[in-house]
Amino acid sequence: MSSPNQIFFGPIIGPCMPGPPHAIEAISADLDPEKRHENTLENAMKFVHGLSSVNVIELSLTDNRHEIISELTSKVVTKSIFPNTVKEVMNLEEHIQVTDRVLNSLESFTHCIVYITGLTILVQALYISWSKHVHALGKHSCGQLIFAHRDRTSDSYKLFDSQTGESFDPQSLSEIIKFNRKMSA
């Protein structure tokens, strides 16, 4: 498997999650009162990036089943965990070994988005493998696994945290991506 679609923003440490509610206040406190509300999002992003980096990896579950367009970048997701055809569909043990190899081959990330295409048993293998990694390395060492499920009504993918089931807004990562591109330009 070649390297997945990857978006890296650094050199900063830690997970990139929205800061505590006082984060914007902390930024605002250092600003001139007349400029306190100018560029609040940009200042908040600078604060967040002062604490963390974002390294997003996007994969499809199976290769070439559908053209997957990234919800973050609008580019085609070209890397996958499994090939288009799986010979022994019910061989869960083999599927877990494949997902173990893929997860072990990835660089460190804060978010891994897997666009769900293909067989349900492959999703189970991915989840089992992910759970083993979380158990072995600790929750905060593994980043966040996000499942992207196709929504035919909106013709887009809806993102859900694999551990909690909470809906994940792709706009928040998109804003960070845009901000980092602006900062690195």
N, C-alpha and C. Protein backbone atom coordinates (compact mmCIF):
# COMPACT_ATOMS: atom_id res chain seq x y z
N MET A 1 0.84 -1.18 0.00
CA MET A 1 0.00 0.00 0.00
C MET A 1 0.87 1.23 0.00
N SER A 2 0.61 2.16 -0.90
CA SER A 2 1.36 3.41 -0.90
C SER A 2 0.77 4.35 0.13
N SER A 3 1.42 5.49 0.34
CA SER A 3 0.98 6.38 1.43
C SER A 3 -0.41 6.92 1.15
N PRO A 4 -1.23 7.07 2.19
CA PRO A 4 -2.61 7.54 2.03
C PRO A 4 -2.67 9.04 1.77
N ASN A 5 -3.84 9.51 1.33
CA ASN A 5 -4.02 10.95 1.24
C ASN A 5 -3.71 11.50 2.61
N GLN A 6 -2.81 12.43 2.67
CA GLN A 6 -2.39 12.92 3.96
C GLN A 6 -2.28 14.43 3.93
N ILE A 7 -2.75 15.04 4.97
CA ILE A 7 -2.66 16.47 5.13
C ILE A 7 -1.97 16.68 6.46
N PHE A 8 -0.78 17.28 6.46
CA PHE A 8 -0.05 17.44 7.71
C PHE A 8 0.15 18.90 8.01
N PHE A 9 -0.08 19.25 9.23
CA PHE A 9 0.14 20.61 9.69
C PHE A 9 0.94 20.55 10.97
N GLY A 10 2.07 21.12 11.02
CA GLY A 10 2.93 21.07 12.19
C GLY A 10 3.99 22.11 12.01
N PRO A 11 4.98 22.22 12.68
CA PRO A 11 5.57 21.38 13.73
C PRO A 11 5.02 21.72 15.10
N ILE A 12 3.96 21.05 15.49
CA ILE A 12 3.29 21.35 16.73
C ILE A 12 2.92 20.02 17.36
N ILE A 13 2.69 19.98 18.65
CA ILE A 13 2.47 18.70 19.31
C ILE A 13 1.07 18.57 19.86
N GLY A 14 0.62 17.33 20.05
CA GLY A 14 -0.64 17.05 20.73
C GLY A 14 -1.80 16.90 19.78
N PRO A 15 -2.94 16.43 20.30
CA PRO A 15 -4.12 16.28 19.47
C PRO A 15 -4.74 17.64 19.16
N CYS A 16 -5.37 17.75 18.04
CA CYS A 16 -5.99 19.02 17.66
C CYS A 16 -7.49 18.91 17.82
N MET A 17 -7.96 19.31 18.93
CA MET A 17 -9.38 19.34 19.18
C MET A 17 -9.72 20.77 19.59
N PRO A 18 -10.97 21.16 19.47
CA PRO A 18 -11.31 22.52 19.88
C PRO A 18 -10.87 22.76 21.31
N GLY A 19 -10.30 23.91 21.54
CA GLY A 19 -9.80 24.23 22.88
C GLY A 19 -10.94 24.44 23.85
N PRO A 20 -10.61 24.62 25.11
CA PRO A 20 -11.63 24.87 26.10
C PRO A 20 -12.33 26.19 25.81
N PRO A 21 -13.53 26.40 26.37
CA PRO A 21 -14.28 27.62 26.08
C PRO A 21 -13.49 28.89 26.36
N HIS A 22 -12.55 28.83 27.29
CA HIS A 22 -11.78 30.02 27.63
C HIS A 22 -10.65 30.29 26.64
N ALA A 23 -10.47 29.44 25.63
CA ALA A 23 -9.36 29.62 24.68
C ALA A 23 -9.48 30.94 23.95
N ILE A 24 -10.68 31.25 23.44
CA ILE A 24 -10.85 32.51 22.71
C ILE A 24 -10.70 33.67 23.66
N GLU A 25 -11.19 33.52 24.89
CA GLU A 25 -11.03 34.59 25.87
C GLU A 25 -9.56 34.84 26.15
N ALA A 26 -8.77 33.77 26.24
CA ALA A 26 -7.34 33.92 26.51
C ALA A 26 -6.67 34.68 25.37
N ILE A 27 -7.09 34.40 24.15
CA ILE A 27 -6.53 35.11 23.00
C ILE A 27 -6.99 36.56 23.04
N SER A 28 -8.27 36.76 23.28
CA SER A 28 -8.82 38.11 23.29
C SER A 28 -8.22 38.98 24.37
N ALA A 29 -7.85 38.39 25.50
CA ALA A 29 -7.31 39.16 26.61
C ALA A 29 -6.02 39.85 26.23
N ASP A 30 -5.26 39.26 25.29
CA ASP A 30 -4.00 39.84 24.88
C ASP A 30 -4.14 40.89 23.79
N LEU A 31 -5.33 41.06 23.26
CA LEU A 31 -5.55 41.99 22.17
C LEU A 31 -6.00 43.35 22.68
N ASP A 32 -5.70 44.36 21.91
CA ASP A 32 -6.20 45.70 22.18
C ASP A 32 -7.73 45.62 22.19
N PRO A 33 -8.40 46.22 23.19
CA PRO A 33 -9.86 46.11 23.28
C PRO A 33 -10.60 46.46 22.00
N GLU A 34 -10.07 47.42 21.23
CA GLU A 34 -10.75 47.80 19.99
C GLU A 34 -10.61 46.73 18.92
N LYS A 35 -9.58 45.89 19.00
CA LYS A 35 -9.35 44.86 18.00
C LYS A 35 -9.73 43.48 18.53
N ARG A 36 -10.29 43.42 19.71
CA ARG A 36 -10.57 42.15 20.39
C ARG A 36 -11.40 41.20 19.54
N HIS A 37 -12.38 41.71 18.81
CA HIS A 37 -13.28 40.84 18.06
C HIS A 37 -12.89 40.68 16.59
N GLU A 38 -11.82 41.34 16.16
CA GLU A 38 -11.36 41.18 14.79
C GLU A 38 -10.62 39.86 14.65
N ASN A 39 -10.87 39.17 13.57
CA ASN A 39 -10.15 37.93 13.26
C ASN A 39 -10.19 36.92 14.40
N THR A 40 -11.33 36.80 15.08
CA THR A 40 -11.43 35.88 16.21
C THR A 40 -11.15 34.45 15.79
N LEU A 41 -11.70 34.01 14.65
CA LEU A 41 -11.45 32.65 14.20
C LEU A 41 -9.97 32.45 13.92
N GLU A 42 -9.35 33.40 13.23
CA GLU A 42 -7.92 33.28 12.93
C GLU A 42 -7.10 33.23 14.22
N ASN A 43 -7.43 34.07 15.18
CA ASN A 43 -6.70 34.05 16.46
C ASN A 43 -6.94 32.75 17.21
N ALA A 44 -8.17 32.25 17.17
CA ALA A 44 -8.46 30.98 17.83
C ALA A 44 -7.66 29.86 17.18
N MET A 45 -7.57 29.89 15.86
CA MET A 45 -6.81 28.86 15.16
C MET A 45 -5.34 28.93 15.52
N LYS A 46 -4.80 30.15 15.62
CA LYS A 46 -3.39 30.29 16.02
C LYS A 46 -3.18 29.71 17.41
N PHE A 47 -4.13 29.96 18.30
CA PHE A 47 -4.03 29.42 19.66
C PHE A 47 -4.05 27.90 19.64
N VAL A 48 -5.01 27.33 18.90
CA VAL A 48 -5.12 25.88 18.82
C VAL A 48 -3.85 25.29 18.23
N HIS A 49 -3.33 25.91 17.17
CA HIS A 49 -2.13 25.38 16.53
C HIS A 49 -0.89 25.60 17.37
N GLY A 50 -0.95 26.51 18.31
CA GLY A 50 0.16 26.65 19.24
C GLY A 50 0.22 25.47 20.19
N LEU A 51 -0.87 24.74 20.30
CA LEU A 51 -0.94 23.58 21.19
C LEU A 51 -0.84 22.26 20.44
N SER A 52 -1.16 22.26 19.17
CA SER A 52 -1.32 20.98 18.51
C SER A 52 -1.07 21.05 17.02
N SER A 53 -1.08 19.89 16.38
CA SER A 53 -1.00 19.79 14.93
C SER A 53 -2.13 18.91 14.45
N VAL A 54 -2.42 19.02 13.19
CA VAL A 54 -3.45 18.19 12.60
C VAL A 54 -2.80 17.39 11.49
N ASN A 55 -2.92 16.10 11.56
CA ASN A 55 -2.45 15.22 10.51
C ASN A 55 -3.62 14.30 10.18
N VAL A 56 -4.30 14.61 9.07
CA VAL A 56 -5.49 13.89 8.68
C VAL A 56 -5.13 12.89 7.59
N ILE A 57 -5.55 11.66 7.76
CA ILE A 57 -5.36 10.63 6.76
C ILE A 57 -6.74 10.20 6.29
N GLU A 58 -6.91 10.12 4.98
CA GLU A 58 -8.18 9.69 4.41
C GLU A 58 -7.96 8.43 3.58
N LEU A 59 -8.77 7.41 3.85
CA LEU A 59 -8.70 6.14 3.15
C LEU A 59 -10.11 5.69 2.81
N SER A 60 -10.24 4.94 1.74
CA SER A 60 -11.51 4.25 1.53
C SER A 60 -11.34 2.84 2.08
N LEU A 61 -12.42 2.23 2.47
CA LEU A 61 -12.33 0.88 3.01
C LEU A 61 -11.89 -0.10 1.93
N THR A 62 -12.52 -0.02 0.76
CA THR A 62 -12.17 -0.91 -0.35
C THR A 62 -11.80 -0.07 -1.58
N ASP A 63 -10.91 -0.59 -2.38
CA ASP A 63 -10.38 0.11 -3.53
C ASP A 63 -11.37 0.11 -4.70
N ASN A 64 -11.54 1.25 -5.32
CA ASN A 64 -12.27 1.40 -6.59
C ASN A 64 -13.71 0.91 -6.60
N ARG A 65 -14.37 0.86 -5.46
CA ARG A 65 -15.79 0.51 -5.48
C ARG A 65 -16.62 1.70 -5.92
N HIS A 66 -16.20 2.88 -5.49
CA HIS A 66 -16.85 4.13 -5.88
C HIS A 66 -15.77 5.20 -5.92
N GLU A 67 -16.00 6.25 -6.68
CA GLU A 67 -15.08 7.37 -6.60
C GLU A 67 -15.42 8.13 -5.32
N ILE A 68 -14.44 8.24 -4.44
CA ILE A 68 -14.65 8.91 -3.16
C ILE A 68 -14.05 10.31 -3.26
N ILE A 69 -14.88 11.29 -3.01
CA ILE A 69 -14.43 12.68 -2.99
C ILE A 69 -14.32 13.10 -1.53
N SER A 70 -13.15 13.57 -1.15
CA SER A 70 -12.90 13.98 0.23
C SER A 70 -13.88 15.06 0.66
N GLU A 71 -14.45 14.87 1.84
CA GLU A 71 -15.33 15.88 2.42
C GLU A 71 -14.52 17.09 2.91
N LEU A 72 -13.21 16.94 3.01
CA LEU A 72 -12.35 18.02 3.51
C LEU A 72 -11.72 18.84 2.40
N THR A 73 -11.23 18.15 1.38
CA THR A 73 -10.44 18.83 0.35
C THR A 73 -11.09 18.84 -1.02
N SER A 74 -12.17 18.08 -1.20
CA SER A 74 -12.85 17.92 -2.48
C SER A 74 -11.98 17.21 -3.53
N LYS A 75 -10.90 16.58 -3.10
CA LYS A 75 -10.06 15.80 -4.00
C LYS A 75 -10.44 14.33 -3.89
N VAL A 76 -10.10 13.56 -4.91
CA VAL A 76 -10.39 12.13 -4.91
C VAL A 76 -9.51 11.42 -3.88
N VAL A 77 -10.13 10.58 -3.06
CA VAL A 77 -9.39 9.75 -2.11
C VAL A 77 -8.93 8.52 -2.90
N THR A 78 -7.62 8.33 -2.98
CA THR A 78 -7.08 7.29 -3.87
C THR A 78 -6.54 6.08 -3.14
N LYS A 79 -6.39 6.14 -1.85
CA LYS A 79 -5.79 5.02 -1.10
C LYS A 79 -6.88 4.29 -0.33
N SER A 80 -6.69 2.98 -0.21
CA SER A 80 -7.68 2.17 0.48
C SER A 80 -7.01 1.13 1.37
N ILE A 81 -7.82 0.53 2.22
CA ILE A 81 -7.33 -0.50 3.13
C ILE A 81 -7.35 -1.86 2.44
N PHE A 82 -8.45 -2.17 1.77
CA PHE A 82 -8.63 -3.46 1.12
C PHE A 82 -8.68 -3.29 -0.39
N PRO A 83 -8.32 -4.34 -1.15
CA PRO A 83 -8.47 -4.28 -2.60
C PRO A 83 -9.94 -4.31 -2.98
N ASN A 84 -10.21 -4.11 -4.26
CA ASN A 84 -11.59 -4.10 -4.76
C ASN A 84 -12.29 -5.43 -4.53
N THR A 85 -11.55 -6.52 -4.68
CA THR A 85 -12.12 -7.85 -4.51
C THR A 85 -11.45 -8.55 -3.34
N VAL A 86 -12.26 -9.09 -2.46
CA VAL A 86 -11.77 -9.86 -1.32
C VAL A 86 -12.13 -11.31 -1.58
N LYS A 87 -11.10 -12.17 -1.65
CA LYS A 87 -11.34 -13.57 -2.04
C LYS A 87 -12.12 -14.36 -1.00
N GLU A 88 -11.69 -14.33 0.23
CA GLU A 88 -12.36 -15.10 1.29
C GLU A 88 -13.14 -14.14 2.18
N VAL A 89 -14.34 -13.84 1.76
CA VAL A 89 -15.15 -12.82 2.42
C VAL A 89 -15.31 -13.07 3.92
N MET A 90 -15.54 -14.29 4.33
CA MET A 90 -15.82 -14.58 5.73
C MET A 90 -14.57 -14.87 6.56
N ASN A 91 -13.40 -14.62 6.05
CA ASN A 91 -12.16 -14.86 6.78
C ASN A 91 -11.81 -13.61 7.60
N LEU A 92 -12.52 -13.42 8.69
CA LEU A 92 -12.34 -12.23 9.52
C LEU A 92 -10.92 -12.13 10.04
N GLU A 93 -10.31 -13.24 10.40
CA GLU A 93 -8.95 -13.22 10.93
C GLU A 93 -7.97 -12.61 9.92
N GLU A 94 -8.09 -12.99 8.66
CA GLU A 94 -7.23 -12.42 7.62
C GLU A 94 -7.49 -10.93 7.44
N HIS A 95 -8.75 -10.53 7.48
CA HIS A 95 -9.10 -9.12 7.33
C HIS A 95 -8.51 -8.29 8.48
N ILE A 96 -8.52 -8.83 9.67
CA ILE A 96 -7.92 -8.14 10.82
C ILE A 96 -6.42 -7.98 10.61
N GLN A 97 -5.78 -9.01 10.08
CA GLN A 97 -4.34 -8.93 9.80
C GLN A 97 -4.05 -7.83 8.78
N VAL A 98 -4.89 -7.71 7.76
CA VAL A 98 -4.72 -6.65 6.76
C VAL A 98 -4.84 -5.28 7.42
N THR A 99 -5.89 -5.09 8.22
CA THR A 99 -6.08 -3.78 8.86
C THR A 99 -4.96 -3.51 9.87
N ASP A 100 -4.47 -4.53 10.56
CA ASP A 100 -3.32 -4.34 11.46
C ASP A 100 -2.12 -3.82 10.68
N ARG A 101 -1.84 -4.45 9.54
CA ARG A 101 -0.69 -4.01 8.73
C ARG A 101 -0.86 -2.57 8.26
N VAL A 102 -2.05 -2.24 7.82
CA VAL A 102 -2.30 -0.88 7.33
C VAL A 102 -2.14 0.13 8.47
N LEU A 103 -2.77 -0.13 9.61
CA LEU A 103 -2.66 0.81 10.73
C LEU A 103 -1.21 0.95 11.19
N ASN A 104 -0.47 -0.14 11.20
CA ASN A 104 0.94 -0.07 11.60
C ASN A 104 1.80 0.68 10.58
N SER A 105 1.37 0.73 9.34
CA SER A 105 2.16 1.40 8.30
C SER A 105 1.92 2.90 8.24
N LEU A 106 0.86 3.37 8.87
CA LEU A 106 0.52 4.79 8.79
C LEU A 106 1.41 5.62 9.70
N GLU A 107 1.69 6.84 9.25
CA GLU A 107 2.36 7.79 10.12
C GLU A 107 1.38 8.21 11.21
N SER A 108 1.93 8.82 12.24
CA SER A 108 1.08 9.31 13.32
C SER A 108 0.05 10.29 12.76
N PHE A 109 -1.16 10.22 13.27
CA PHE A 109 -2.22 11.11 12.80
C PHE A 109 -3.12 11.51 13.96
N THR A 110 -3.81 12.62 13.77
CA THR A 110 -4.81 13.04 14.74
C THR A 110 -6.19 12.56 14.33
N HIS A 111 -6.41 12.41 13.03
CA HIS A 111 -7.70 11.98 12.50
C HIS A 111 -7.47 11.04 11.33
N CYS A 112 -8.11 9.90 11.36
CA CYS A 112 -8.10 8.96 10.23
C CYS A 112 -9.54 8.78 9.80
N ILE A 113 -9.84 9.29 8.62
CA ILE A 113 -11.20 9.17 8.08
C ILE A 113 -11.22 8.01 7.11
N VAL A 114 -12.12 7.05 7.37
CA VAL A 114 -12.27 5.90 6.49
C VAL A 114 -13.65 6.00 5.85
N TYR A 115 -13.65 6.15 4.52
CA TYR A 115 -14.89 6.20 3.76
C TYR A 115 -15.37 4.76 3.59
N ILE A 116 -16.52 4.47 4.17
CA ILE A 116 -17.03 3.11 4.22
C ILE A 116 -17.62 2.72 2.86
N THR A 117 -16.94 1.82 2.20
CA THR A 117 -17.38 1.26 0.92
C THR A 117 -17.10 -0.23 1.00
N GLY A 118 -18.04 -1.04 0.66
CA GLY A 118 -17.74 -2.46 0.63
C GLY A 118 -18.42 -3.25 1.72
N LEU A 119 -17.81 -4.35 2.05
CA LEU A 119 -18.40 -5.36 2.92
C LEU A 119 -18.42 -4.98 4.39
N THR A 120 -19.51 -5.29 5.05
CA THR A 120 -19.66 -5.02 6.48
C THR A 120 -18.60 -5.75 7.31
N ILE A 121 -18.24 -6.95 6.91
CA ILE A 121 -17.25 -7.71 7.68
C ILE A 121 -15.89 -6.99 7.67
N LEU A 122 -15.61 -6.21 6.63
CA LEU A 122 -14.37 -5.45 6.58
C LEU A 122 -14.40 -4.30 7.60
N VAL A 123 -15.56 -3.71 7.78
CA VAL A 123 -15.71 -2.67 8.81
C VAL A 123 -15.46 -3.28 10.18
N GLN A 124 -15.99 -4.47 10.40
CA GLN A 124 -15.77 -5.14 11.69
C GLN A 124 -14.28 -5.41 11.90
N ALA A 125 -13.60 -5.87 10.87
CA ALA A 125 -12.16 -6.14 10.98
C ALA A 125 -11.40 -4.86 11.31
N LEU A 126 -11.76 -3.77 10.65
CA LEU A 126 -11.11 -2.48 10.93
C LEU A 126 -11.36 -2.07 12.37
N TYR A 127 -12.58 -2.20 12.82
CA TYR A 127 -12.91 -1.79 14.19
C TYR A 127 -12.18 -2.64 15.23
N ILE A 128 -12.10 -3.93 15.00
CA ILE A 128 -11.38 -4.83 15.91
C ILE A 128 -9.91 -4.43 15.96
N SER A 129 -9.31 -4.23 14.79
CA SER A 129 -7.91 -3.84 14.73
C SER A 129 -7.67 -2.50 15.42
N TRP A 130 -8.54 -1.54 15.15
CA TRP A 130 -8.44 -0.22 15.78
C TRP A 130 -8.53 -0.35 17.30
N SER A 131 -9.49 -1.13 17.77
CA SER A 131 -9.67 -1.32 19.21
C SER A 131 -8.42 -1.92 19.85
N LYS A 132 -7.79 -2.85 19.16
CA LYS A 132 -6.54 -3.44 19.67
C LYS A 132 -5.45 -2.38 19.78
N HIS A 133 -5.35 -1.52 18.78
CA HIS A 133 -4.34 -0.45 18.82
C HIS A 133 -4.61 0.52 19.97
N VAL A 134 -5.86 0.89 20.13
CA VAL A 134 -6.22 1.80 21.23
C VAL A 134 -5.89 1.16 22.57
N HIS A 135 -6.22 -0.11 22.71
CA HIS A 135 -5.94 -0.81 23.96
C HIS A 135 -4.43 -0.91 24.22
N ALA A 136 -3.66 -1.20 23.20
CA ALA A 136 -2.22 -1.39 23.36
C ALA A 136 -1.48 -0.07 23.54
N LEU A 137 -1.90 0.97 22.84
CA LEU A 137 -1.15 2.22 22.83
C LEU A 137 -1.77 3.32 23.68
N GLY A 138 -3.00 3.15 24.03
CA GLY A 138 -3.70 4.19 24.79
C GLY A 138 -4.53 5.05 23.86
N LYS A 139 -5.66 5.47 24.33
CA LYS A 139 -6.62 6.23 23.53
C LYS A 139 -6.00 7.47 22.90
N HIS A 140 -5.18 8.20 23.65
CA HIS A 140 -4.66 9.47 23.15
C HIS A 140 -3.48 9.30 22.21
N SER A 141 -2.92 8.10 22.12
CA SER A 141 -1.80 7.85 21.22
C SER A 141 -2.26 7.50 19.82
N CYS A 142 -3.51 7.17 19.65
CA CYS A 142 -3.99 6.63 18.38
C CYS A 142 -4.68 7.64 17.48
N GLY A 143 -4.96 8.81 17.93
CA GLY A 143 -5.74 9.73 17.12
C GLY A 143 -7.20 9.32 17.12
N GLN A 144 -7.94 9.87 16.19
CA GLN A 144 -9.38 9.65 16.15
C GLN A 144 -9.75 8.93 14.86
N LEU A 145 -10.45 7.80 14.99
CA LEU A 145 -10.93 7.07 13.82
C LEU A 145 -12.35 7.55 13.53
N ILE A 146 -12.54 8.02 12.31
CA ILE A 146 -13.83 8.57 11.90
C ILE A 146 -14.33 7.75 10.72
N PHE A 147 -15.58 7.26 10.83
CA PHE A 147 -16.19 6.55 9.73
C PHE A 147 -17.02 7.55 8.91
N ALA A 148 -16.84 7.52 7.60
CA ALA A 148 -17.60 8.37 6.70
C ALA A 148 -18.61 7.50 5.96
N HIS A 149 -19.89 7.75 6.20
CA HIS A 149 -20.96 6.97 5.61
C HIS A 149 -21.67 7.80 4.54
N ARG A 150 -21.94 7.19 3.41
CA ARG A 150 -22.59 7.88 2.30
C ARG A 150 -24.03 8.20 2.64
N ASP A 151 -24.40 9.46 2.42
CA ASP A 151 -25.78 9.92 2.60
C ASP A 151 -26.33 10.24 1.21
N ARG A 152 -27.17 9.38 0.70
CA ARG A 152 -27.69 9.55 -0.66
C ARG A 152 -28.56 10.80 -0.78
N THR A 153 -29.22 11.18 0.29
CA THR A 153 -30.09 12.35 0.25
C THR A 153 -29.29 13.62 -0.04
N SER A 154 -28.16 13.79 0.65
CA SER A 154 -27.36 15.00 0.46
C SER A 154 -26.23 14.80 -0.55
N ASP A 155 -26.08 13.56 -1.05
CA ASP A 155 -25.01 13.23 -1.99
C ASP A 155 -23.64 13.60 -1.43
N SER A 156 -23.45 13.27 -0.16
CA SER A 156 -22.17 13.53 0.51
C SER A 156 -21.96 12.45 1.57
N TYR A 157 -20.84 12.55 2.25
CA TYR A 157 -20.55 11.62 3.33
C TYR A 157 -20.79 12.30 4.67
N LYS A 158 -21.36 11.58 5.60
CA LYS A 158 -21.54 12.04 6.97
C LYS A 158 -20.48 11.36 7.82
N LEU A 159 -19.83 12.12 8.66
CA LEU A 159 -18.71 11.62 9.46
C LEU A 159 -19.16 11.36 10.89
N PHE A 160 -18.71 10.18 11.43
CA PHE A 160 -19.05 9.79 12.79
C PHE A 160 -17.83 9.23 13.49
N ASP A 161 -17.62 9.65 14.73
CA ASP A 161 -16.54 9.10 15.53
C ASP A 161 -16.80 7.62 15.74
N SER A 162 -15.81 6.78 15.49
CA SER A 162 -16.00 5.33 15.58
C SER A 162 -16.17 4.85 17.01
N GLN A 163 -15.69 5.61 17.98
CA GLN A 163 -15.76 5.18 19.37
C GLN A 163 -17.03 5.65 20.07
N THR A 164 -17.50 6.85 19.72
CA THR A 164 -18.64 7.43 20.43
C THR A 164 -19.91 7.50 19.58
N GLY A 165 -19.76 7.46 18.26
CA GLY A 165 -20.90 7.60 17.37
C GLY A 165 -21.31 9.05 17.16
N GLU A 166 -20.59 9.97 17.78
CA GLU A 166 -20.93 11.38 17.64
C GLU A 166 -20.68 11.84 16.21
N SER A 167 -21.57 12.70 15.73
CA SER A 167 -21.42 13.28 14.41
C SER A 167 -20.21 14.21 14.42
N PHE A 168 -19.48 14.21 13.33
CA PHE A 168 -18.26 15.01 13.23
C PHE A 168 -18.42 15.96 12.07
N ASP A 169 -18.27 17.24 12.30
CA ASP A 169 -18.45 18.25 11.27
C ASP A 169 -17.17 18.39 10.45
N PRO A 170 -17.21 18.02 9.16
CA PRO A 170 -16.01 18.14 8.35
C PRO A 170 -15.57 19.59 8.17
N GLN A 171 -16.48 20.52 8.36
CA GLN A 171 -16.15 21.94 8.21
C GLN A 171 -15.06 22.37 9.19
N SER A 172 -15.08 21.81 10.40
CA SER A 172 -14.06 22.20 11.38
C SER A 172 -12.66 21.83 10.91
N LEU A 173 -12.50 20.63 10.35
CA LEU A 173 -11.19 20.25 9.81
C LEU A 173 -10.87 21.03 8.54
N SER A 174 -11.88 21.30 7.73
CA SER A 174 -11.65 22.08 6.51
C SER A 174 -11.14 23.47 6.84
N GLU A 175 -11.69 24.09 7.88
CA GLU A 175 -11.23 25.42 8.28
C GLU A 175 -9.77 25.39 8.74
N ILE A 176 -9.40 24.34 9.46
CA ILE A 176 -8.02 24.20 9.92
C ILE A 176 -7.10 24.01 8.71
N ILE A 177 -7.53 23.21 7.74
CA ILE A 177 -6.73 22.98 6.54
C ILE A 177 -6.52 24.30 5.80
N LYS A 178 -7.59 25.06 5.59
CA LYS A 178 -7.48 26.35 4.90
C LYS A 178 -6.57 27.30 5.67
N PHE A 179 -6.72 27.36 6.98
CA PHE A 179 -5.91 28.24 7.81
C PHE A 179 -4.43 27.88 7.68
N ASN A 180 -4.12 26.59 7.76
CA ASN A 180 -2.73 26.16 7.68
C ASN A 180 -2.12 26.42 6.31
N ARG A 181 -2.91 26.26 5.28
CA ARG A 181 -2.40 26.59 3.94
C ARG A 181 -2.07 28.07 3.85
N LYS A 182 -2.94 28.90 4.44
CA LYS A 182 -2.71 30.34 4.45
C LYS A 182 -1.45 30.68 5.24
N MET A 183 -1.26 30.02 6.38
CA MET A 183 -0.10 30.30 7.23
C MET A 183 1.21 29.83 6.59
N SER A 184 1.15 28.75 5.80
CA SER A 184 2.38 28.23 5.20
C SER A 184 2.71 28.91 3.88
N ALA A 185 1.78 29.72 3.36
CA ALA A 185 2.01 30.39 2.07
C ALA A 185 2.92 31.60 2.24
